[in-house]
Amino acid sequence: MQRSGEAVAKVRDLTVKFRYNVALDNLSLEVGKGRTLLLGSNGSGKTTLMRVLSGLHRPTEGSVEVLGLDPFKEPSKLYPRMLYVRDVEDLPYMLRVSTVVELLSDVYGAGRVERALKTLGLEEHLFKRVGELSKGLRRRVAMVEPLSSNAELIMMDEPFSGLDADSRIIIARALSRLSRETSLIIASHIPLNLGIDQMVVLEGGKLTYNGPYNEAVARRYLAWMDALT
């Protein structure tokens, strides 16, 4: 668990309601620096928590702090320091991979982007359009930005969902090589060979586990326990 003063995210008495559905129920939690695995059944509140931490969904009640900032009051200070990778595909299908590389190079530098491209095995796909790629390759293209960004915090919602084994392994290895100065919060049903520092489990919008990686607890939520080695 994190030591005092090393939390990258804090929520206090956090409640999120959607009409008659309570997605998060009076949740209080600190997420420490390092690698955090977020687990829970479908509908447990994982994505809602990610959206609140990223400033995309305002809570009904409670307080939120990410990297020492309020994501709703200080987004211009927070967003240059963090990234949220959603479980949907945002890249236009007509865009060429080379165009994605050019755009990201302008933001993060060509050297960083080229290294990410090589790590993700995308060099031979540079001149293809995003829509011509398999789902696994499209997800790898989406991973170029977080690998290039040098962000202090990267949050990922189901980054391995629906991917072939090769893409899962390539992305997991790429994430494992990120600097330890970059903290990760990953919601996943696929096991992660990343050296998990903290495991958080939500059920029914409530916190049911918060501590070091616990395989007995994780087995209730993870599939293919030996898939990533």
Protein backbone atom coordinates (compact mmCIF):
# COMPACT_ATOMS: atom_id res chain seq x y z
CA MET A 1 0.00 0.00 0.00
CA GLN A 2 1.04 3.59 -0.54
CA ARG A 3 2.76 5.59 2.16
CA SER A 4 1.18 8.79 3.44
CA GLY A 5 1.53 11.67 1.01
CA GLU A 6 2.01 9.42 -2.03
CA ALA A 7 -1.59 9.18 -3.21
CA VAL A 8 -2.17 10.03 -6.87
CA ALA A 9 -5.95 10.02 -6.43
CA LYS A 10 -8.30 10.48 -3.50
CA VAL A 11 -12.07 10.38 -3.22
CA ARG A 12 -14.05 11.08 -0.08
CA ASP A 13 -17.70 10.14 0.49
CA LEU A 14 -18.13 9.84 -3.27
CA THR A 15 -21.64 9.13 -4.53
CA VAL A 16 -22.75 9.01 -8.17
CA LYS A 17 -26.41 8.50 -9.04
CA PHE A 18 -28.03 7.94 -12.43
CA ARG A 19 -31.74 8.52 -11.77
CA TYR A 20 -32.64 5.49 -9.66
CA ASN A 21 -29.30 3.73 -10.02
CA VAL A 22 -26.48 4.36 -7.55
CA ALA A 23 -23.23 3.73 -9.44
CA LEU A 24 -20.92 4.70 -6.56
CA ASP A 25 -22.17 4.61 -3.00
CA ASN A 26 -20.37 6.81 -0.42
CA LEU A 27 -16.96 5.63 -1.61
CA SER A 28 -13.76 6.76 0.11
CA LEU A 29 -10.47 5.61 -1.39
CA GLU A 30 -6.83 6.57 -1.84
CA VAL A 31 -4.87 5.26 -4.82
CA GLY A 32 -1.11 5.30 -4.35
CA LYS A 33 1.72 5.85 -6.77
CA GLY A 34 2.64 2.81 -8.82
CA ARG A 35 0.53 0.16 -10.53
CA THR A 36 -3.08 -0.19 -9.40
CA LEU A 37 -5.44 -2.92 -10.63
CA LEU A 38 -9.13 -2.03 -10.44
CA LEU A 39 -11.45 -5.05 -10.35
CA GLY A 40 -15.18 -5.66 -10.09
CA SER A 41 -18.11 -7.27 -11.82
CA ASN A 42 -19.80 -5.57 -14.76
CA GLY A 43 -21.75 -2.61 -13.39
CA SER A 44 -19.69 -2.45 -10.20
CA GLY A 45 -18.74 1.20 -10.73
CA LYS A 46 -15.23 0.89 -12.21
CA THR A 47 -15.85 2.97 -15.32
CA THR A 48 -17.84 5.54 -13.37
CA LEU A 49 -14.93 5.95 -10.95
CA MET A 50 -12.51 6.41 -13.86
CA ARG A 51 -14.77 9.01 -15.45
CA VAL A 52 -15.04 10.92 -12.18
CA LEU A 53 -11.27 10.87 -11.65
CA SER A 54 -10.71 12.12 -15.19
CA GLY A 55 -13.22 14.94 -14.76
CA LEU A 56 -15.68 13.58 -17.32
CA HIS A 57 -18.53 12.96 -14.87
CA ARG A 58 -19.32 15.21 -11.93
CA PRO A 59 -20.24 13.27 -8.77
CA THR A 60 -23.57 13.68 -7.04
CA GLU A 61 -21.82 14.06 -3.70
CA GLY A 62 -18.28 13.92 -2.30
CA SER A 63 -14.84 15.27 -3.14
CA VAL A 64 -12.25 14.24 -5.73
CA GLU A 65 -8.52 14.94 -5.92
CA VAL A 66 -6.16 13.73 -8.66
CA LEU A 67 -2.44 14.57 -8.50
CA GLY A 68 -3.36 17.09 -5.82
CA LEU A 69 -5.89 18.86 -8.08
CA ASP A 70 -9.67 19.02 -8.37
CA PRO A 71 -10.41 17.68 -11.90
CA PHE A 72 -13.58 19.80 -12.11
CA LYS A 73 -12.08 23.08 -10.93
CA GLU A 74 -8.52 22.76 -12.28
CA PRO A 75 -8.71 20.68 -15.50
CA SER A 76 -6.23 22.89 -17.37
CA LYS A 77 -3.60 22.09 -14.74
CA LEU A 78 -4.46 18.40 -14.48
CA TYR A 79 -4.83 17.29 -18.10
CA PRO A 80 -1.21 17.98 -19.15
CA ARG A 81 -0.17 15.57 -16.36
CA MET A 82 -2.58 12.67 -16.88
CA LEU A 83 -4.27 10.60 -19.59
CA TYR A 84 -7.47 8.58 -19.59
CA VAL A 85 -7.64 5.77 -22.16
CA ARG A 86 -11.27 4.71 -22.59
CA ASP A 87 -12.51 1.28 -23.66
CA VAL A 88 -13.87 2.68 -26.93
CA GLU A 89 -12.14 3.46 -30.21
CA ASP A 90 -11.75 7.19 -30.74
CA LEU A 91 -9.48 7.32 -33.79
CA PRO A 92 -11.23 8.05 -37.10
CA TYR A 93 -11.11 5.01 -39.37
CA MET A 94 -10.03 7.06 -42.40
CA LEU A 95 -6.94 8.39 -40.59
CA ARG A 96 -3.61 6.85 -41.59
CA VAL A 97 -1.32 5.58 -38.85
CA SER A 98 1.41 7.88 -40.21
CA THR A 99 -0.88 10.88 -39.61
CA VAL A 100 -1.44 9.79 -36.01
CA VAL A 101 2.33 9.58 -35.61
CA GLU A 102 2.84 13.06 -37.07
CA LEU A 103 0.20 14.62 -34.82
CA LEU A 104 1.58 12.97 -31.68
CA SER A 105 5.17 13.85 -32.64
CA ASP A 106 4.20 17.51 -32.65
CA VAL A 107 2.98 17.16 -29.06
CA TYR A 108 5.39 14.70 -27.46
CA GLY A 109 8.43 14.70 -29.76
CA ALA A 110 9.34 12.43 -32.65
CA GLY A 111 11.81 10.36 -30.63
CA ARG A 112 9.27 9.32 -28.00
CA VAL A 113 6.64 8.48 -30.61
CA GLU A 114 9.07 6.46 -32.74
CA ARG A 115 10.13 4.40 -29.72
CA ALA A 116 6.48 3.72 -28.83
CA LEU A 117 5.78 2.74 -32.43
CA LYS A 118 8.63 0.24 -32.39
CA THR A 119 7.67 -1.16 -28.98
CA LEU A 120 4.13 -1.76 -30.23
CA GLY A 121 5.28 -3.38 -33.48
CA LEU A 122 3.54 -0.88 -35.74
CA GLU A 123 6.29 0.16 -38.17
CA GLU A 124 4.97 -1.98 -41.04
CA HIS A 125 1.46 -0.53 -40.65
CA LEU A 126 2.40 3.15 -40.92
CA PHE A 127 0.68 3.83 -44.23
CA LYS A 128 -2.50 1.88 -43.52
CA ARG A 129 -5.72 3.54 -42.50
CA VAL A 130 -6.97 2.85 -38.98
CA GLY A 131 -10.07 1.17 -40.40
CA GLU A 132 -7.94 -1.36 -42.29
CA LEU A 133 -6.39 -2.68 -39.09
CA SER A 134 -7.57 -5.49 -36.83
CA LYS A 135 -8.97 -4.57 -33.42
CA GLY A 136 -5.69 -5.57 -31.78
CA LEU A 137 -3.68 -3.31 -34.09
CA ARG A 138 -6.14 -0.44 -33.64
CA ARG A 139 -5.73 -0.74 -29.89
CA ARG A 140 -1.96 -0.70 -30.31
CA VAL A 141 -2.25 2.53 -32.32
CA ALA A 142 -4.33 4.00 -29.49
CA MET A 143 -1.54 3.03 -27.06
CA VAL A 144 1.06 5.14 -28.88
CA GLU A 145 -0.03 8.29 -27.05
CA PRO A 146 0.13 6.98 -23.47
CA LEU A 147 3.51 5.36 -24.15
CA SER A 148 4.84 8.61 -25.63
CA SER A 149 3.33 11.05 -23.17
CA ASN A 150 5.51 10.75 -20.05
CA ALA A 151 2.32 11.46 -18.08
CA GLU A 152 2.41 11.22 -14.29
CA LEU A 153 -0.83 9.22 -14.25
CA ILE A 154 -2.40 7.03 -16.93
CA MET A 155 -5.84 5.49 -16.39
CA MET A 156 -7.02 2.69 -18.66
CA ASP A 157 -10.45 1.12 -18.84
CA GLU A 158 -10.29 -2.50 -20.10
CA PRO A 159 -7.32 -1.99 -22.46
CA PHE A 160 -7.15 -5.72 -23.30
CA SER A 161 -10.84 -6.43 -23.87
CA GLY A 162 -11.51 -8.39 -27.05
CA LEU A 163 -7.87 -8.45 -28.18
CA ASP A 164 -5.89 -11.33 -29.62
CA ALA A 165 -3.18 -12.87 -27.45
CA ASP A 166 -0.31 -11.22 -29.38
CA SER A 167 -1.71 -7.71 -28.89
CA ARG A 168 -2.42 -8.35 -25.20
CA ILE A 169 1.15 -9.50 -24.63
CA ILE A 170 2.70 -6.63 -26.64
CA ILE A 171 0.65 -3.96 -24.83
CA ALA A 172 1.24 -5.50 -21.40
CA ARG A 173 4.99 -5.67 -21.98
CA ALA A 174 5.01 -2.07 -23.22
CA LEU A 175 3.20 -0.92 -20.08
CA SER A 176 5.56 -2.90 -17.86
CA ARG A 177 8.48 -0.94 -19.33
CA LEU A 178 7.02 2.44 -18.47
CA SER A 179 8.99 4.48 -15.98
CA ARG A 180 8.01 3.87 -12.38
CA GLU A 181 7.49 7.63 -12.23
CA THR A 182 4.33 7.01 -14.25
CA SER A 183 1.46 5.66 -12.17
CA LEU A 184 -1.13 3.37 -13.75
CA ILE A 185 -4.73 2.68 -12.80
CA ILE A 186 -6.01 -0.17 -14.96
CA ALA A 187 -9.46 -1.73 -14.91
CA SER A 188 -9.12 -5.17 -16.48
CA HIS A 189 -10.53 -8.69 -16.50
CA ILE A 190 -7.29 -9.92 -18.07
CA PRO A 191 -4.36 -10.66 -15.71
CA LEU A 192 -1.54 -8.11 -15.72
CA ASN A 193 2.09 -9.05 -15.36
CA LEU A 194 3.03 -5.51 -14.32
CA GLY A 195 4.05 -5.83 -10.70
CA ILE A 196 0.77 -4.66 -9.14
CA ASP A 197 1.29 -2.42 -6.08
CA GLN A 198 -2.35 -1.98 -5.11
CA MET A 199 -5.54 -3.86 -5.89
CA VAL A 200 -8.95 -2.24 -5.52
CA VAL A 201 -12.23 -4.15 -5.83
CA LEU A 202 -15.64 -2.53 -6.25
CA GLU A 203 -18.98 -4.28 -6.00
CA GLY A 204 -22.31 -2.51 -6.23
CA GLY A 205 -20.54 0.83 -6.09
CA LYS A 206 -18.90 0.00 -2.77
CA LEU A 207 -15.29 -0.77 -1.87
CA THR A 208 -14.91 -4.46 -0.99
CA TYR A 209 -11.12 -4.80 -1.11
CA ASN A 210 -8.20 -2.36 -1.00
CA GLY A 211 -4.70 -3.68 -0.48
CA PRO A 212 -1.80 -5.53 -2.06
CA TYR A 213 -2.38 -7.94 -4.92
CA ASN A 214 -4.38 -10.90 -3.61
CA GLU A 215 -4.63 -13.79 -6.06
CA ALA A 216 -7.47 -15.48 -4.17
CA VAL A 217 -9.58 -12.34 -4.52
CA ALA A 218 -8.38 -11.65 -8.09
CA ARG A 219 -9.42 -15.11 -9.31
CA ARG A 220 -13.06 -14.15 -8.85
CA TYR A 221 -12.70 -11.47 -11.53
CA LEU A 222 -9.81 -12.37 -13.85
CA ALA A 223 -10.00 -14.71 -16.82
CA TRP A 224 -7.12 -16.69 -18.34
CA MET A 225 -4.87 -16.36 -15.31
CA ASP A 226 -1.82 -17.57 -17.25
CA ALA A 227 -2.52 -15.64 -20.46
CA LEU A 228 0.12 -12.95 -19.93
CA THR A 229 3.54 -14.22 -18.91
